[in-house]
Amino acid sequence: MRATLKPARSVSNTLSVPSMQRRKTAVIFLVLLIALFSRLGSQPASAIGVANVVVTNVYWGASAAAPDTAHPGDVNLQLSILITNVGDDVARSVNATLYIGPPLIYSYQVNGSIYYATAISQIAGDMQPSQSYVLTYTLSIDSKAQEGIYRYSLELVYKSARELQAIDTTVPVNVPVWRGELHVQGELTNPTKIYPDSKAVQVQVTIANSGQGTAKNVQLQLVLQPPFTASSSGSNQIFVGNIPPGQTTIANFILDVAQNATFGQYSLILGEGAGNQLIPIGQVPIYVNEKVAFDIVSVTPTTVHVGDSGDVISVVIRNAGSVEADSVRVELQVGNYITGTLTDFLGTMLSNETKTAFFTIDIDSNAQQGQYTYNLRFDWTQDNNALYNDYSYSITFSVQPAPVPVGLLVVVAIVIIGGGAYFFMRRRKAKAAAAKTQTPNNQK
């Protein structure tokens, strides 16, 4: 019997199905792993978790909503710098150092001594993501500083919680310093028209701030020159406080005009006090109007006597100005020993017109003889303004002893004449008697 040999089943064929499944699984796992690493490799670095502290705001004062304005000369003003962690990791031990220079000044005292520094450090501590912190620095500003934006540096040093490597970055900080831009916007006087010798004139000046910053603690001074003087001590100075940008304020000054002022246009400088300096901010025009002037043409009589009654003094007056004077009244301002009707109303006097004022005076019997000078006071209306003048005009007359009455002179004359006639007659009789006595003796 022939043995029949069956072909043997291949082992490799028997194990092919499980092996291929494992191979497929391995390939799939490898593909997924590659895809995962590829995806991770495509993520930005920030996704790893990094702290990032930046400056988000800089302002003067304590409120970002209502910041202060820094000006040249300000002292101990707070500068606020807002920093924020915009990263997605905690910023550990944040330290900020501000480096400053002119015109900013940082000073501090130690044992009574003043020191200055150009680098000021502050510790903000740990900052969570999206957390902010306000750095505050108390600074002063040089009074001679120019307005503008000054750039300084802020150094930020911190560590990221996941990366213990220190991060040191320096960012610019823009610090504004503004000076209010003040100028004269308008002016007026009260009364509207002023004249030589006007007193207590109110000069009202409108001040506008056209700058970008608030003008703080504004002290104004109106620089006076002849013929203007302050009505009282300090009446040409005023403190108006703060003037925000775009706003106006009113400054009132009180001054006098000299009596000898020439009419015409004048211009006074208005200045703002800055330390020991006065910074001109504009000019204030003031117009002095012409005031009527009078001339004393003549005075009659120029001699009166002690004890006179009803003497009439005539004063011829001329309007020497170029404008009309209405309701002119003249008063003779006398002293002791003289009384009477001492005022006269002249009415309207046109330019170059002449009128005569009459005064009736009585001289006291106790008056002393000599020269007497008395002022004439004029008051009138001009352009509906009541004006007066009581210093520029005077008259002089002589007071002589009372004359001897005419009747007494006649009596004295009669007495003298009668006495002379009597003496003459007696003398003639005496001569006649003597002649008769000599004649008989001669006959003997």
Protein backbone atom coordinates (compact mmCIF):
# COMPACT_ATOMS: atom_id res chain seq x y z
CA MET A 1 0.00 0.00 0.00
CA ARG A 2 1.47 3.27 -1.06
CA ALA A 3 1.58 5.90 1.55
CA THR A 4 0.07 9.16 0.50
CA LEU A 5 1.84 12.21 1.77
CA LYS A 6 -0.36 15.31 2.36
CA PRO A 7 1.24 18.60 1.96
CA ALA A 8 2.03 20.21 5.28
CA ARG A 9 0.13 23.50 6.24
CA SER A 10 2.46 26.46 6.31
CA VAL A 11 2.98 27.97 9.75
CA SER A 12 3.42 31.38 8.33
CA ASN A 13 0.12 31.25 6.63
CA THR A 14 -1.45 30.14 9.85
CA LEU A 15 -0.09 33.15 11.83
CA SER A 16 -0.65 35.91 9.18
CA VAL A 17 -4.00 37.26 10.40
CA PRO A 18 -3.05 38.20 14.01
CA SER A 19 0.29 39.56 12.91
CA MET A 20 -1.23 41.89 10.41
CA GLN A 21 -3.74 43.18 12.94
CA ARG A 22 -0.97 44.02 15.34
CA ARG A 23 0.95 45.70 12.58
CA LYS A 24 -2.03 47.81 11.63
CA THR A 25 -2.56 48.79 15.26
CA ALA A 26 1.04 49.83 15.59
CA VAL A 27 0.86 51.89 12.42
CA ILE A 28 -2.31 53.64 13.57
CA PHE A 29 -0.75 54.38 16.98
CA LEU A 30 2.35 55.72 15.30
CA VAL A 31 0.30 57.99 13.02
CA LEU A 32 -1.70 59.32 15.96
CA LEU A 33 1.45 59.94 17.92
CA ILE A 34 3.04 61.80 15.02
CA ALA A 35 -0.12 63.89 14.58
CA LEU A 36 -0.16 64.70 18.28
CA PHE A 37 3.43 65.85 18.29
CA SER A 38 2.88 67.81 15.09
CA ARG A 39 -0.07 69.60 16.68
CA LEU A 40 1.88 70.38 19.81
CA GLY A 41 4.72 71.71 17.72
CA SER A 42 2.40 74.09 15.90
CA GLN A 43 1.13 75.79 19.14
CA PRO A 44 2.48 79.34 19.97
CA ALA A 45 4.99 79.73 22.75
CA SER A 46 2.50 81.52 24.95
CA ALA A 47 0.43 78.40 25.20
CA ILE A 48 3.23 76.94 27.21
CA GLY A 49 2.44 79.47 29.96
CA VAL A 50 4.47 82.70 30.18
CA ALA A 51 4.05 85.85 32.30
CA ASN A 52 4.17 89.16 30.41
CA VAL A 53 4.03 92.47 32.38
CA VAL A 54 3.52 95.64 30.34
CA VAL A 55 2.74 99.33 30.97
CA THR A 56 -0.90 100.06 30.14
CA ASN A 57 -1.33 103.66 31.39
CA VAL A 58 0.63 106.66 32.69
CA TYR A 59 -1.04 109.62 34.37
CA TRP A 60 -0.52 112.28 37.02
CA GLY A 61 -2.54 112.08 40.21
CA ALA A 62 -4.46 109.29 41.88
CA SER A 63 -7.30 108.85 39.38
CA ALA A 64 -6.97 107.74 35.78
CA ALA A 65 -10.53 108.96 35.15
CA ALA A 66 -9.69 112.48 36.37
CA PRO A 67 -5.93 112.89 36.01
CA ASP A 68 -4.06 115.93 37.20
CA THR A 69 -1.97 118.12 34.94
CA ALA A 70 1.68 118.53 35.80
CA HIS A 71 3.17 122.00 35.43
CA PRO A 72 6.63 123.46 35.72
CA GLY A 73 7.22 124.27 39.36
CA ASP A 74 4.86 121.64 40.79
CA VAL A 75 6.12 120.03 43.98
CA ASN A 76 5.41 116.54 45.37
CA LEU A 77 3.05 115.51 42.60
CA GLN A 78 2.10 111.84 42.24
CA LEU A 79 3.00 110.09 39.00
CA SER A 80 1.01 106.87 38.52
CA ILE A 81 2.11 104.06 36.19
CA LEU A 82 -0.34 101.20 35.62
CA ILE A 83 1.27 97.84 34.82
CA THR A 84 -0.70 94.74 33.80
CA ASN A 85 0.21 91.05 33.46
CA VAL A 86 -1.11 90.25 29.98
CA GLY A 87 0.46 86.75 29.97
CA ASP A 88 -1.19 83.47 31.00
CA ASP A 89 1.12 82.68 33.88
CA VAL A 90 1.78 84.24 37.27
CA ALA A 91 4.50 86.90 37.36
CA ARG A 92 6.50 86.31 40.49
CA SER A 93 8.24 89.07 42.54
CA VAL A 94 7.61 91.92 40.12
CA ASN A 95 10.06 94.77 40.72
CA ALA A 96 9.80 98.08 38.82
CA THR A 97 12.54 100.72 38.62
CA LEU A 98 11.80 104.13 37.08
CA TYR A 99 14.78 106.00 35.64
CA ILE A 100 14.18 109.76 35.48
CA GLY A 101 16.05 112.91 34.52
CA PRO A 102 15.35 116.62 34.08
CA PRO A 103 12.91 118.19 34.49
CA LEU A 104 11.59 115.55 36.93
CA ILE A 105 13.12 115.58 40.40
CA TYR A 106 12.96 112.90 43.09
CA SER A 107 14.17 113.85 46.56
CA TYR A 108 14.05 112.29 50.00
CA GLN A 109 15.31 113.08 53.47
CA VAL A 110 17.56 111.08 55.74
CA ASN A 111 18.43 112.47 59.17
CA GLY A 112 17.50 115.97 58.11
CA SER A 113 19.58 115.89 54.94
CA ILE A 114 18.04 116.02 51.46
CA TYR A 115 19.16 113.51 48.85
CA TYR A 116 18.29 113.15 45.20
CA ALA A 117 17.94 110.03 43.06
CA THR A 118 17.43 109.27 39.39
CA ALA A 119 16.37 105.61 39.87
CA ILE A 120 13.32 104.82 42.02
CA SER A 121 12.30 101.18 42.64
CA GLN A 122 9.01 99.69 43.77
CA ILE A 123 7.94 96.09 44.42
CA ALA A 124 4.61 95.03 42.99
CA GLY A 125 4.87 91.46 44.24
CA ASP A 126 3.18 88.54 42.49
CA MET A 127 0.75 89.35 39.70
CA GLN A 128 -1.83 86.89 38.42
CA PRO A 129 -2.73 86.83 34.73
CA SER A 130 -4.81 89.91 33.79
CA GLN A 131 -4.00 91.51 37.15
CA SER A 132 -2.95 95.19 37.26
CA TYR A 133 -0.91 97.17 39.73
CA VAL A 134 -0.41 100.94 40.09
CA LEU A 135 3.12 102.13 40.68
CA THR A 136 3.24 105.57 42.37
CA TYR A 137 6.16 107.98 42.44
CA THR A 138 6.17 111.34 44.25
CA LEU A 139 8.05 113.77 42.03
CA SER A 140 8.66 117.48 41.56
CA ILE A 141 9.09 119.42 38.31
CA ASP A 142 11.69 122.06 37.60
CA SER A 143 10.07 125.51 37.41
CA LYS A 144 12.02 126.25 34.21
CA ALA A 145 10.79 123.14 32.41
CA GLN A 146 9.38 123.50 28.93
CA GLU A 147 6.01 121.97 28.24
CA GLY A 148 5.90 118.74 26.29
CA ILE A 149 6.11 114.96 26.67
CA TYR A 150 9.24 113.58 28.31
CA ARG A 151 10.29 109.96 27.70
CA TYR A 152 11.83 107.94 30.52
CA SER A 153 12.53 104.23 31.10
CA LEU A 154 10.85 101.70 33.37
CA GLU A 155 12.72 98.47 34.06
CA LEU A 156 10.54 95.45 34.95
CA VAL A 157 12.12 92.38 36.54
CA TYR A 158 10.08 89.25 37.43
CA LYS A 159 9.88 85.47 37.07
CA SER A 160 7.31 83.23 35.46
CA ALA A 161 5.84 80.56 37.73
CA ARG A 162 6.44 77.75 35.20
CA GLU A 163 9.76 79.09 34.02
CA LEU A 164 11.91 80.14 36.94
CA GLN A 165 14.19 82.03 34.58
CA ALA A 166 14.17 85.79 35.42
CA ILE A 167 12.64 88.14 32.87
CA ASP A 168 14.24 91.61 32.66
CA THR A 169 12.65 94.09 30.26
CA THR A 170 12.82 97.88 29.87
CA VAL A 171 9.87 99.79 28.44
CA PRO A 172 9.48 103.52 27.60
CA VAL A 173 7.28 105.72 29.77
CA ASN A 174 5.92 108.98 28.32
CA VAL A 175 5.33 111.65 30.98
CA PRO A 176 3.43 114.83 29.97
CA VAL A 177 4.30 118.23 31.42
CA TRP A 178 2.01 121.02 30.32
CA ARG A 179 1.94 124.71 31.02
CA GLY A 180 -1.46 126.33 30.68
CA GLU A 181 -1.41 128.67 27.69
CA LEU A 182 -2.96 131.81 29.15
CA HIS A 183 -3.78 134.90 27.15
CA VAL A 184 -5.93 138.02 27.45
CA GLN A 185 -9.27 137.48 25.76
CA GLY A 186 -10.97 140.77 26.60
CA GLU A 187 -11.07 143.74 28.94
CA LEU A 188 -13.40 146.51 30.10
CA THR A 189 -13.42 149.25 32.72
CA ASN A 190 -15.99 150.43 35.23
CA PRO A 191 -16.85 153.20 34.65
CA THR A 192 -16.72 152.63 30.92
CA LYS A 193 -15.04 155.98 30.31
CA ILE A 194 -12.15 157.03 32.50
CA TYR A 195 -10.44 160.39 32.72
CA PRO A 196 -7.41 162.01 34.31
CA ASP A 197 -7.83 161.90 38.11
CA SER A 198 -10.34 159.03 37.96
CA LYS A 199 -10.25 157.08 41.22
CA ALA A 200 -10.93 153.41 42.05
CA VAL A 201 -11.33 152.38 38.42
CA GLN A 202 -12.17 148.68 38.07
CA VAL A 203 -10.30 147.00 35.23
CA GLN A 204 -11.92 143.65 34.40
CA VAL A 205 -9.77 141.29 32.33
CA THR A 206 -10.98 138.01 30.82
CA ILE A 207 -8.27 135.32 30.85
CA ALA A 208 -8.50 132.26 28.59
CA ASN A 209 -6.50 129.02 28.80
CA SER A 210 -5.89 127.75 25.28
CA GLY A 211 -3.26 125.22 26.34
CA GLN A 212 -3.52 121.46 26.85
CA GLY A 213 -3.04 121.55 30.60
CA THR A 214 -4.79 123.14 33.54
CA ALA A 215 -3.16 126.38 34.63
CA LYS A 216 -2.83 125.77 38.36
CA ASN A 217 -2.60 128.27 41.21
CA VAL A 218 -2.62 131.21 38.84
CA GLN A 219 -1.41 134.47 40.39
CA LEU A 220 -1.85 137.48 38.10
CA GLN A 221 -0.34 140.94 38.30
CA LEU A 222 -1.18 144.01 36.25
CA VAL A 223 2.10 145.89 35.79
CA LEU A 224 1.29 149.57 36.37
CA GLN A 225 3.17 152.50 34.89
CA PRO A 226 2.41 156.25 35.00
CA PRO A 227 -0.21 157.60 34.88
CA PHE A 228 -1.68 154.53 36.66
CA THR A 229 -1.22 153.50 40.28
CA ALA A 230 -2.84 150.89 42.51
CA SER A 231 -5.83 152.28 44.42
CA SER A 232 -4.71 150.32 47.48
CA SER A 233 -1.90 147.97 48.37
CA GLY A 234 -2.09 144.88 46.16
CA SER A 235 -5.13 146.04 44.16
CA ASN A 236 -3.18 145.34 40.96
CA GLN A 237 -2.70 141.65 41.92
CA ILE A 238 -5.16 138.77 42.19
CA PHE A 239 -5.14 135.00 42.76
CA VAL A 240 -7.59 133.22 40.43
CA GLY A 241 -6.71 129.59 41.24
CA ASN A 242 -6.95 126.90 38.55
CA ILE A 243 -8.01 127.49 34.95
CA PRO A 244 -8.81 124.23 33.07
CA PRO A 245 -7.91 123.99 29.38
CA GLY A 246 -10.45 125.72 27.17
CA GLN A 247 -11.92 127.68 30.08
CA THR A 248 -11.92 131.41 30.95
CA THR A 249 -11.89 133.36 34.18
CA ILE A 250 -12.30 136.99 35.23
CA ALA A 251 -9.60 139.00 36.98
CA ASN A 252 -10.50 142.38 38.54
CA PHE A 253 -7.95 145.08 39.31
CA ILE A 254 -8.54 148.47 40.99
CA LEU A 255 -6.41 151.45 40.00
CA ASP A 256 -6.23 155.24 39.98
CA VAL A 257 -5.40 157.60 37.12
CA ALA A 258 -3.04 160.51 37.78
CA GLN A 259 -4.55 163.99 37.63
CA ASN A 260 -1.95 165.10 35.09
CA ALA A 261 -2.56 162.16 32.75
CA THR A 262 -2.58 162.92 29.05
CA PHE A 263 -5.63 161.59 27.29
CA GLY A 264 -5.02 158.78 24.82
CA GLN A 265 -4.38 155.02 24.51
CA TYR A 266 -2.26 153.16 27.06
CA SER A 267 -1.24 149.51 27.26
CA LEU A 268 -0.46 147.65 30.49
CA ILE A 269 1.29 144.27 30.72
CA LEU A 270 -0.53 141.42 32.48
CA GLY A 271 1.82 138.81 33.90
CA GLU A 272 1.54 135.42 35.61
CA GLY A 273 3.65 134.80 38.67
CA ALA A 274 5.95 131.78 38.44
CA GLY A 275 8.18 131.57 41.48
CA ASN A 276 10.19 134.77 41.53
CA GLN A 277 9.45 135.45 37.87
CA LEU A 278 6.62 137.29 36.18
CA ILE A 279 5.75 135.77 32.81
CA PRO A 280 3.89 138.19 30.48
CA ILE A 281 0.70 136.65 29.10
CA GLY A 282 -0.75 139.64 27.28
CA GLN A 283 -1.42 143.36 27.17
CA VAL A 284 -4.42 145.23 28.56
CA PRO A 285 -5.32 148.35 26.55
CA ILE A 286 -6.82 151.26 28.51
CA TYR A 287 -8.05 154.49 26.97
CA VAL A 288 -8.00 157.69 29.01
CA ASN A 289 -10.56 160.17 27.69
CA GLU A 290 -10.06 163.91 27.44
CA LYS A 291 -11.26 165.82 30.48
CA VAL A 292 -12.48 169.40 30.18
CA ALA A 293 -9.87 171.94 31.26
CA PHE A 294 -10.69 175.47 32.41
CA ASP A 295 -8.63 178.65 32.26
CA ILE A 296 -8.93 181.56 34.71
CA VAL A 297 -8.91 184.59 32.44
CA SER A 298 -9.23 187.35 35.05
CA VAL A 299 -10.26 188.13 38.64
CA THR A 300 -11.70 191.48 39.80
CA PRO A 301 -11.29 193.11 42.19
CA THR A 302 -7.96 191.91 43.47
CA THR A 303 -8.10 193.91 46.71
CA VAL A 304 -10.66 193.76 49.53
CA HIS A 305 -10.65 195.20 53.02
CA VAL A 306 -11.09 193.96 56.51
CA GLY A 307 -14.70 194.30 57.53
CA ASP A 308 -16.03 194.59 53.94
CA SER A 309 -19.54 193.33 53.34
CA GLY A 310 -21.07 192.39 49.99
CA ASP A 311 -17.88 192.54 47.95
CA VAL A 312 -18.51 190.98 44.53
CA ILE A 313 -15.64 188.93 43.11
CA SER A 314 -15.89 188.41 39.35
CA VAL A 315 -13.97 185.48 37.83
CA VAL A 316 -13.84 185.14 34.05
CA ILE A 317 -13.54 181.44 33.09
CA ARG A 318 -12.86 179.83 29.70
CA ASN A 319 -13.43 176.22 28.59
CA ALA A 320 -9.94 175.45 27.32
CA GLY A 321 -10.74 171.89 26.24
CA SER A 322 -12.00 170.56 22.94
CA VAL A 323 -15.12 168.97 24.41
CA GLU A 324 -18.32 170.41 25.84
CA ALA A 325 -18.94 170.70 29.58
CA ASP A 326 -22.55 170.57 30.80
CA SER A 327 -24.05 171.78 34.08
CA VAL A 328 -20.88 173.59 35.08
CA ARG A 329 -20.86 174.76 38.70
CA VAL A 330 -18.05 176.76 40.31
CA GLU A 331 -17.39 176.96 44.03
CA LEU A 332 -14.98 179.33 45.77
CA GLN A 333 -13.42 177.31 48.58
CA VAL A 334 -12.50 179.85 51.26
CA GLY A 335 -11.14 179.53 54.77
CA ASN A 336 -11.84 181.41 57.99
CA TYR A 337 -12.96 185.05 58.10
CA ILE A 338 -14.73 184.94 54.71
CA THR A 339 -18.39 184.07 54.17
CA GLY A 340 -21.05 184.81 51.61
CA THR A 341 -22.43 183.38 48.37
CA LEU A 342 -19.61 181.13 47.29
CA THR A 343 -21.05 179.14 44.36
CA ASP A 344 -22.25 180.05 40.89
CA PHE A 345 -23.90 177.94 38.17
CA LEU A 346 -22.60 178.54 34.66
CA GLY A 347 -24.58 175.89 32.77
CA THR A 348 -23.19 174.54 29.49
CA MET A 349 -19.82 175.75 28.29
CA LEU A 350 -18.77 174.92 24.76
CA SER A 351 -15.17 174.53 23.72
CA ASN A 352 -13.36 177.91 24.04
CA GLU A 353 -16.49 179.56 25.46
CA THR A 354 -16.00 182.18 28.19
CA LYS A 355 -18.33 182.86 31.11
CA THR A 356 -18.14 184.89 34.32
CA ALA A 357 -18.73 183.50 37.80
CA PHE A 358 -19.76 185.93 40.55
CA PHE A 359 -19.14 185.45 44.27
CA THR A 360 -20.40 187.82 46.98
CA ILE A 361 -18.18 187.74 50.04
CA ASP A 362 -18.01 189.29 53.49
CA ILE A 363 -14.65 189.88 55.22
CA ASP A 364 -14.60 189.43 58.97
CA SER A 365 -13.36 192.40 60.96
CA ASN A 366 -10.85 190.10 62.65
CA ALA A 367 -9.24 189.08 59.36
CA GLN A 368 -5.53 189.72 59.07
CA GLN A 369 -4.23 191.78 56.23
CA GLY A 370 -2.17 190.01 53.58
CA GLN A 371 -2.38 187.85 50.44
CA TYR A 372 -5.02 185.10 50.37
CA THR A 373 -5.18 182.27 47.81
CA TYR A 374 -8.29 180.14 47.51
CA ASN A 375 -9.14 177.17 45.26
CA LEU A 376 -11.94 177.05 42.74
CA ARG A 377 -13.78 173.73 42.54
CA PHE A 378 -15.43 172.86 39.23
CA ASP A 379 -17.96 170.09 38.80
CA TRP A 380 -19.79 169.28 35.59
CA THR A 381 -21.11 166.46 33.43
CA GLN A 382 -19.28 165.19 30.38
CA ASP A 383 -20.62 162.42 28.18
CA ASN A 384 -23.18 161.75 30.96
CA ASN A 385 -20.36 161.26 33.47
CA ALA A 386 -20.20 163.41 36.59
CA LEU A 387 -16.71 164.93 36.87
CA TYR A 388 -15.01 167.41 39.12
CA ASN A 389 -11.74 169.24 39.58
CA ASP A 390 -10.76 170.89 42.86
CA TYR A 391 -7.00 171.21 42.74
CA SER A 392 -5.84 172.92 39.55
CA TYR A 393 -7.45 176.36 39.84
CA SER A 394 -7.01 179.14 42.40
CA ILE A 395 -7.43 182.88 42.73
CA THR A 396 -5.48 185.34 44.87
CA PHE A 397 -6.54 188.68 46.29
CA SER A 398 -5.18 191.09 48.88
CA VAL A 399 -6.92 191.89 52.17
CA GLN A 400 -6.07 195.41 53.31
CA PRO A 401 -6.97 197.28 56.50
CA ALA A 402 -10.38 198.89 56.52
CA PRO A 403 -10.29 202.36 54.87
CA VAL A 404 -11.19 205.48 56.94
CA PRO A 405 -14.86 206.45 56.41
CA VAL A 406 -15.42 209.46 54.11
CA GLY A 407 -17.56 211.27 56.70
CA LEU A 408 -14.82 211.07 59.23
CA LEU A 409 -12.38 212.45 56.70
CA VAL A 410 -14.73 215.40 56.06
CA VAL A 411 -15.04 216.12 59.77
CA VAL A 412 -11.30 215.93 60.20
CA ALA A 413 -10.84 218.21 57.23
CA ILE A 414 -13.36 220.71 58.65
CA VAL A 415 -11.66 220.59 62.00
CA ILE A 416 -8.30 221.13 60.43
CA ILE A 417 -9.56 223.93 58.22
CA GLY A 418 -11.47 225.54 61.09
CA GLY A 419 -8.52 225.28 63.39
CA GLY A 420 -6.29 226.83 60.79
CA ALA A 421 -8.71 229.68 60.18
CA TYR A 422 -9.08 230.33 63.88
CA PHE A 423 -5.32 230.35 64.33
CA PHE A 424 -4.96 232.66 61.35
CA MET A 425 -7.60 235.09 62.61
CA ARG A 426 -6.09 235.22 66.09
CA ARG A 427 -2.75 235.87 64.63
CA ARG A 428 -4.06 238.75 62.54
CA LYS A 429 -5.80 240.25 65.56
CA ALA A 430 -2.62 239.95 67.56
CA LYS A 431 -0.65 241.77 64.88
CA ALA A 432 -3.27 244.52 64.65
CA ALA A 433 -3.21 245.11 68.41
CA ALA A 434 0.53 245.28 68.41
CA ALA A 435 0.47 247.87 65.64
CA LYS A 436 -1.89 250.18 67.55
CA THR A 437 0.29 250.08 70.63
CA GLN A 438 3.38 251.15 68.68
CA THR A 439 1.69 254.14 66.99
CA PRO A 440 1.02 256.35 70.14
CA ASN A 441 4.50 255.82 71.43
CA ASN A 442 5.90 257.02 68.15
CA GLN A 443 3.78 260.22 68.35
CA LYS A 444 5.16 261.17 71.71
